[in-house]
Amino acid sequence: MADEKKQAPQEEKKCPKCDCSGGAPAWMVTFSDLVTLLLTFFVLLLSMANMEEVKFAEASASIRNAFGAYSRPAPNKFSIPIIPSPPISKFSPIQNEMASKIYKRIQSQLKSDNIPEDVELIKKEDDTIILRINDSILFQQVSAILSPTAYPTLRGLADIIRPLPMRLRIEGHTDNTPVSKRKISNWNLSVDRAVAVMRFFKKSALLPLDRMAAIGYGPDRPIVPNNSVENKAKNRRVDFVLRTNNTIGLGPKGAKAGELPL
């Protein structure tokens, strides 16, 4: 009997059923969301600490625009200042050096060629070179018609000017004596003489028209006072003004008031 009792199978004990639902507890989900938000917040702070102010302003403005919020353009506090380049001086050292070389070249050519001694060579402080001719060499008294004796002189001057990298302005000047034999003023006479010289260069194919301009000043720019016969003779002249720059009003785009094209 004792053995039978020992051999009798014992009943299995069953674990009580728990009422826990499946998955993580509810507090764990809330805690994980909180930790995730804190992590995102600190990452955002770190990124903002390394972000440039301009880029951050642009990014925030973009986010506001994406959500439809009114936003002003992002301020640009770190704009790079644009420093304008220094203007090129009209009388730069390079141009002055070139003008000096051209002056010496013209001076030597005037001595070697058959140019009258009455042709005066003048160099201004800037890059201007002037060939000055008295009106008695080119014209008769109170006349705007070139004298045939002036043709060789003008051809020689054209040969000197033609290879130079310069532009030519032909200026007519008179004294203050009123023109009595003509119904025009001294200003008209000076303009007619300048245009006559320019027309001679053009028709003889000595100089291209786009390199020349003609202007008359009348008695308004005397080189000496008009108080004697000798001084008045010096003021009656034609100046061939040579410039190495393009700011003297030559050509159709830069013609100044008083300059007459052919």
Protein backbone atom coordinates (compact mmCIF):
# COMPACT_ATOMS: atom_id res chain seq x y z
CA MET A 1 0.00 0.00 0.00
CA ALA A 2 2.81 2.28 0.83
CA ASP A 3 4.44 1.59 -2.50
CA GLU A 4 1.25 2.26 -4.39
CA LYS A 5 0.93 5.56 -2.64
CA LYS A 6 4.46 6.40 -3.54
CA GLN A 7 3.93 5.39 -7.16
CA ALA A 8 0.71 7.33 -7.53
CA PRO A 9 1.20 10.28 -9.91
CA GLN A 10 1.22 13.63 -8.29
CA GLU A 11 -1.03 16.32 -9.66
CA GLU A 12 0.79 19.20 -11.47
CA LYS A 13 0.53 22.61 -9.92
CA LYS A 14 -0.64 25.27 -12.35
CA CYS A 15 0.64 28.89 -12.20
CA PRO A 16 -1.99 31.45 -11.57
CA LYS A 17 -2.86 33.43 -14.68
CA CYS A 18 -1.70 37.06 -14.65
CA ASP A 19 -3.74 39.88 -16.02
CA CYS A 20 -0.77 41.69 -17.72
CA SER A 21 -1.35 42.77 -21.32
CA GLY A 22 1.21 42.05 -24.10
CA GLY A 23 4.16 44.46 -24.91
CA ALA A 24 5.96 47.06 -22.81
CA PRO A 25 4.20 48.80 -19.97
CA ALA A 26 2.48 52.12 -20.67
CA TRP A 27 4.95 54.11 -18.57
CA MET A 28 7.81 52.73 -20.66
CA VAL A 29 6.31 54.16 -23.87
CA THR A 30 5.86 57.57 -22.31
CA PHE A 31 9.37 57.50 -20.91
CA SER A 32 10.90 56.50 -24.26
CA ASP A 33 9.00 59.33 -26.02
CA LEU A 34 10.31 61.78 -23.46
CA VAL A 35 13.90 60.59 -23.84
CA THR A 36 13.61 60.76 -27.64
CA LEU A 37 12.29 64.32 -27.51
CA LEU A 38 15.04 65.36 -25.10
CA LEU A 39 17.67 63.78 -27.35
CA THR A 40 16.25 65.60 -30.38
CA PHE A 41 16.17 68.85 -28.45
CA PHE A 42 19.82 68.61 -27.43
CA VAL A 43 20.90 67.60 -30.90
CA LEU A 44 19.07 70.64 -32.22
CA LEU A 45 20.82 72.85 -29.66
CA LEU A 46 24.16 71.41 -30.68
CA SER A 47 23.49 72.01 -34.36
CA MET A 48 22.36 75.57 -33.63
CA ALA A 49 25.53 76.23 -31.68
CA ASN A 50 27.66 75.36 -34.75
CA MET A 51 25.41 77.06 -37.31
CA GLU A 52 26.22 80.44 -38.75
CA GLU A 53 23.76 83.15 -37.92
CA VAL A 54 22.99 83.91 -41.52
CA LYS A 55 22.27 80.29 -42.41
CA PHE A 56 20.12 79.87 -39.31
CA ALA A 57 18.10 82.97 -40.17
CA GLU A 58 17.61 81.71 -43.70
CA ALA A 59 16.58 78.25 -42.42
CA SER A 60 14.09 79.70 -39.94
CA ALA A 61 12.63 81.92 -42.62
CA SER A 62 12.27 78.92 -44.90
CA ILE A 63 10.46 76.98 -42.16
CA ARG A 64 8.09 79.87 -41.52
CA ASN A 65 7.34 80.11 -45.21
CA ALA A 66 6.69 76.37 -45.36
CA PHE A 67 4.09 76.69 -42.61
CA GLY A 68 2.49 79.70 -44.26
CA ALA A 69 3.62 82.22 -41.66
CA TYR A 70 4.44 85.79 -42.67
CA SER A 71 8.15 86.35 -42.73
CA ARG A 72 10.49 89.07 -43.78
CA PRO A 73 13.62 88.38 -45.81
CA ALA A 74 16.41 86.99 -43.72
CA PRO A 75 18.77 89.77 -42.67
CA ASN A 76 22.21 89.53 -44.09
CA LYS A 77 24.47 90.96 -41.43
CA PHE A 78 27.63 89.44 -42.79
CA SER A 79 27.53 90.71 -46.34
CA ILE A 80 30.96 91.05 -47.89
CA PRO A 81 31.66 94.71 -48.66
CA ILE A 82 32.37 95.38 -52.31
CA ILE A 83 35.31 97.73 -52.59
CA PRO A 84 35.25 99.52 -55.93
CA SER A 85 38.44 99.42 -57.91
CA PRO A 86 40.29 102.72 -58.06
CA PRO A 87 39.41 104.69 -61.16
CA ILE A 88 41.97 104.78 -63.90
CA SER A 89 43.40 108.24 -64.07
CA LYS A 90 42.99 109.98 -67.37
CA PHE A 91 46.62 111.01 -67.13
CA SER A 92 48.15 107.76 -65.99
CA PRO A 93 51.95 107.35 -65.89
CA ILE A 94 51.84 104.88 -68.78
CA GLN A 95 50.09 107.37 -71.04
CA ASN A 96 52.45 110.17 -70.02
CA GLU A 97 55.43 107.98 -70.78
CA MET A 98 53.97 107.11 -74.17
CA ALA A 99 53.29 110.79 -74.87
CA SER A 100 56.89 111.66 -74.02
CA LYS A 101 58.23 109.06 -76.44
CA ILE A 102 55.88 110.26 -79.17
CA TYR A 103 56.90 113.86 -78.52
CA LYS A 104 60.58 113.03 -79.01
CA ARG A 105 59.76 111.06 -82.16
CA ILE A 106 57.78 113.95 -83.67
CA GLN A 107 60.53 116.37 -82.69
CA SER A 108 63.16 114.35 -84.56
CA GLN A 109 60.91 113.93 -87.59
CA LEU A 110 60.21 117.66 -87.77
CA LYS A 111 63.97 118.28 -87.93
CA SER A 112 64.63 115.61 -90.56
CA ASP A 113 61.61 116.22 -92.83
CA ASN A 114 60.95 119.26 -94.94
CA ILE A 115 58.63 120.86 -92.38
CA PRO A 116 58.76 124.65 -92.03
CA GLU A 117 60.34 125.99 -88.87
CA ASP A 118 57.14 127.92 -88.21
CA VAL A 119 55.50 124.66 -87.10
CA GLU A 120 55.72 124.72 -83.32
CA LEU A 121 55.72 121.51 -81.27
CA ILE A 122 54.21 121.77 -77.78
CA LYS A 123 53.75 119.14 -75.06
CA LYS A 124 51.25 119.78 -72.29
CA GLU A 125 51.46 118.45 -68.74
CA ASP A 126 48.97 115.72 -69.56
CA ASP A 127 49.21 113.44 -72.59
CA THR A 128 48.47 116.22 -75.10
CA ILE A 129 50.83 117.09 -77.95
CA ILE A 130 50.13 120.14 -80.11
CA LEU A 131 51.47 120.98 -83.55
CA ARG A 132 50.85 124.71 -83.96
CA ILE A 133 50.89 126.39 -87.39
CA ASN A 134 50.45 130.06 -88.06
CA ASP A 135 47.53 130.87 -90.34
CA SER A 136 49.79 132.67 -92.83
CA ILE A 137 51.30 129.30 -93.83
CA LEU A 138 47.91 127.74 -94.60
CA PHE A 139 45.55 130.54 -95.65
CA GLN A 140 45.42 133.93 -97.25
CA GLN A 141 44.30 136.82 -95.10
CA VAL A 142 40.65 136.47 -93.98
CA SER A 143 40.23 133.35 -96.12
CA ALA A 144 39.18 129.79 -95.38
CA ILE A 145 40.58 128.34 -98.63
CA LEU A 146 43.83 126.43 -98.26
CA SER A 147 46.78 127.86 -100.13
CA PRO A 148 48.46 125.46 -102.57
CA THR A 149 51.77 126.24 -100.89
CA ALA A 150 50.40 124.64 -97.72
CA TYR A 151 49.85 121.23 -99.30
CA PRO A 152 53.42 119.91 -98.79
CA THR A 153 53.38 121.03 -95.14
CA LEU A 154 50.04 119.30 -94.48
CA ARG A 155 51.19 116.13 -96.24
CA GLY A 156 54.34 116.07 -94.13
CA LEU A 157 52.31 116.49 -90.94
CA ALA A 158 49.93 113.73 -92.02
CA ASP A 159 52.89 111.40 -92.60
CA ILE A 160 54.05 112.09 -89.05
CA ILE A 161 50.60 111.69 -87.46
CA ARG A 162 49.40 108.66 -89.44
CA PRO A 163 51.44 105.89 -87.69
CA LEU A 164 50.93 107.34 -84.21
CA PRO A 165 48.42 105.66 -81.83
CA MET A 166 46.71 109.01 -81.29
CA ARG A 167 43.64 110.93 -82.34
CA LEU A 168 43.68 114.31 -83.99
CA ARG A 169 41.59 117.38 -83.24
CA ILE A 170 42.02 120.31 -85.61
CA GLU A 171 41.38 123.62 -83.85
CA GLY A 172 40.96 126.93 -85.64
CA HIS A 173 41.78 130.20 -83.84
CA THR A 174 41.64 133.89 -84.77
CA ASP A 175 42.42 137.20 -83.16
CA ASN A 176 39.81 139.66 -81.96
CA THR A 177 39.87 141.87 -85.04
CA PRO A 178 36.36 141.94 -86.57
CA VAL A 179 36.08 140.41 -90.01
CA SER A 180 35.04 143.31 -92.22
CA LYS A 181 35.26 141.80 -95.69
CA ARG A 182 32.92 138.93 -94.89
CA LYS A 183 29.48 138.66 -93.41
CA ILE A 184 30.63 136.03 -90.94
CA SER A 185 32.25 136.26 -87.55
CA ASN A 186 35.70 135.21 -86.39
CA TRP A 187 34.15 132.08 -84.96
CA ASN A 188 32.78 131.08 -88.37
CA LEU A 189 36.15 131.77 -89.93
CA SER A 190 37.95 129.57 -87.42
CA VAL A 191 35.47 126.73 -87.96
CA ASP A 192 35.75 126.99 -91.76
CA ARG A 193 39.52 126.83 -91.58
CA ALA A 194 39.55 123.79 -89.29
CA VAL A 195 37.06 121.99 -91.56
CA ALA A 196 39.09 122.94 -94.65
CA VAL A 197 42.19 121.25 -93.22
CA MET A 198 40.15 118.22 -92.19
CA ARG A 199 38.59 117.99 -95.66
CA PHE A 200 42.05 118.11 -97.25
CA PHE A 201 43.23 115.18 -95.12
CA LYS A 202 40.11 113.20 -96.01
CA LYS A 203 40.02 113.87 -99.73
CA SER A 204 43.75 113.24 -100.12
CA ALA A 205 43.37 109.96 -98.17
CA LEU A 206 46.06 111.11 -95.75
CA LEU A 207 44.16 110.38 -92.51
CA PRO A 208 40.96 108.42 -91.81
CA LEU A 209 37.95 110.47 -90.87
CA ASP A 210 37.23 108.50 -87.68
CA ARG A 211 40.53 109.72 -86.20
CA MET A 212 39.81 113.41 -86.73
CA ALA A 213 37.56 116.16 -85.42
CA ALA A 214 37.34 119.83 -86.37
CA ILE A 215 36.44 122.68 -84.03
CA GLY A 216 36.68 126.45 -84.11
CA TYR A 217 37.17 128.74 -81.12
CA GLY A 218 37.42 132.10 -82.85
CA PRO A 219 39.16 134.66 -80.60
CA ASP A 220 38.08 132.97 -77.36
CA ARG A 221 41.35 131.12 -76.66
CA PRO A 222 44.27 133.46 -77.33
CA ILE A 223 47.76 132.33 -76.34
CA VAL A 224 48.89 135.94 -75.85
CA PRO A 225 46.91 139.15 -75.30
CA ASN A 226 45.59 140.77 -78.46
CA ASN A 227 47.30 144.07 -77.72
CA SER A 228 49.78 144.25 -80.61
CA VAL A 229 50.16 143.28 -84.24
CA GLU A 230 52.71 140.60 -83.36
CA ASN A 231 50.50 139.05 -80.69
CA LYS A 232 47.47 139.03 -82.97
CA ALA A 233 49.54 137.19 -85.59
CA LYS A 234 50.43 134.55 -82.98
CA ASN A 235 46.76 134.07 -82.06
CA ARG A 236 45.75 133.49 -85.68
CA ARG A 237 46.68 129.84 -85.86
CA VAL A 238 45.61 126.24 -86.47
CA ASP A 239 46.41 123.73 -83.72
CA PHE A 240 46.73 120.00 -84.41
CA VAL A 241 45.93 118.52 -81.00
CA LEU A 242 47.06 114.91 -80.52
CA ARG A 243 45.80 112.83 -77.62
CA THR A 244 46.63 109.28 -76.58
CA ASN A 245 43.29 108.69 -74.83
CA ASN A 246 39.72 108.50 -76.16
CA THR A 247 38.10 111.17 -74.00
CA ILE A 248 38.45 114.18 -76.27
CA GLY A 249 35.07 113.88 -77.94
CA LEU A 250 36.05 112.28 -81.22
CA GLY A 251 33.72 110.18 -83.25
CA PRO A 252 29.93 110.16 -83.46
CA LYS A 253 29.44 108.99 -79.86
CA GLY A 254 31.67 111.54 -78.18
CA ALA A 255 31.42 114.70 -80.24
CA LYS A 256 31.42 117.81 -78.12
CA ALA A 257 29.47 120.95 -78.74
CA GLY A 258 31.16 123.04 -81.41
CA GLU A 259 32.94 120.16 -83.15
CA LEU A 260 31.91 119.84 -86.75
CA PRO A 261 32.29 116.54 -88.64
CA LEU A 262 33.11 116.65 -92.32
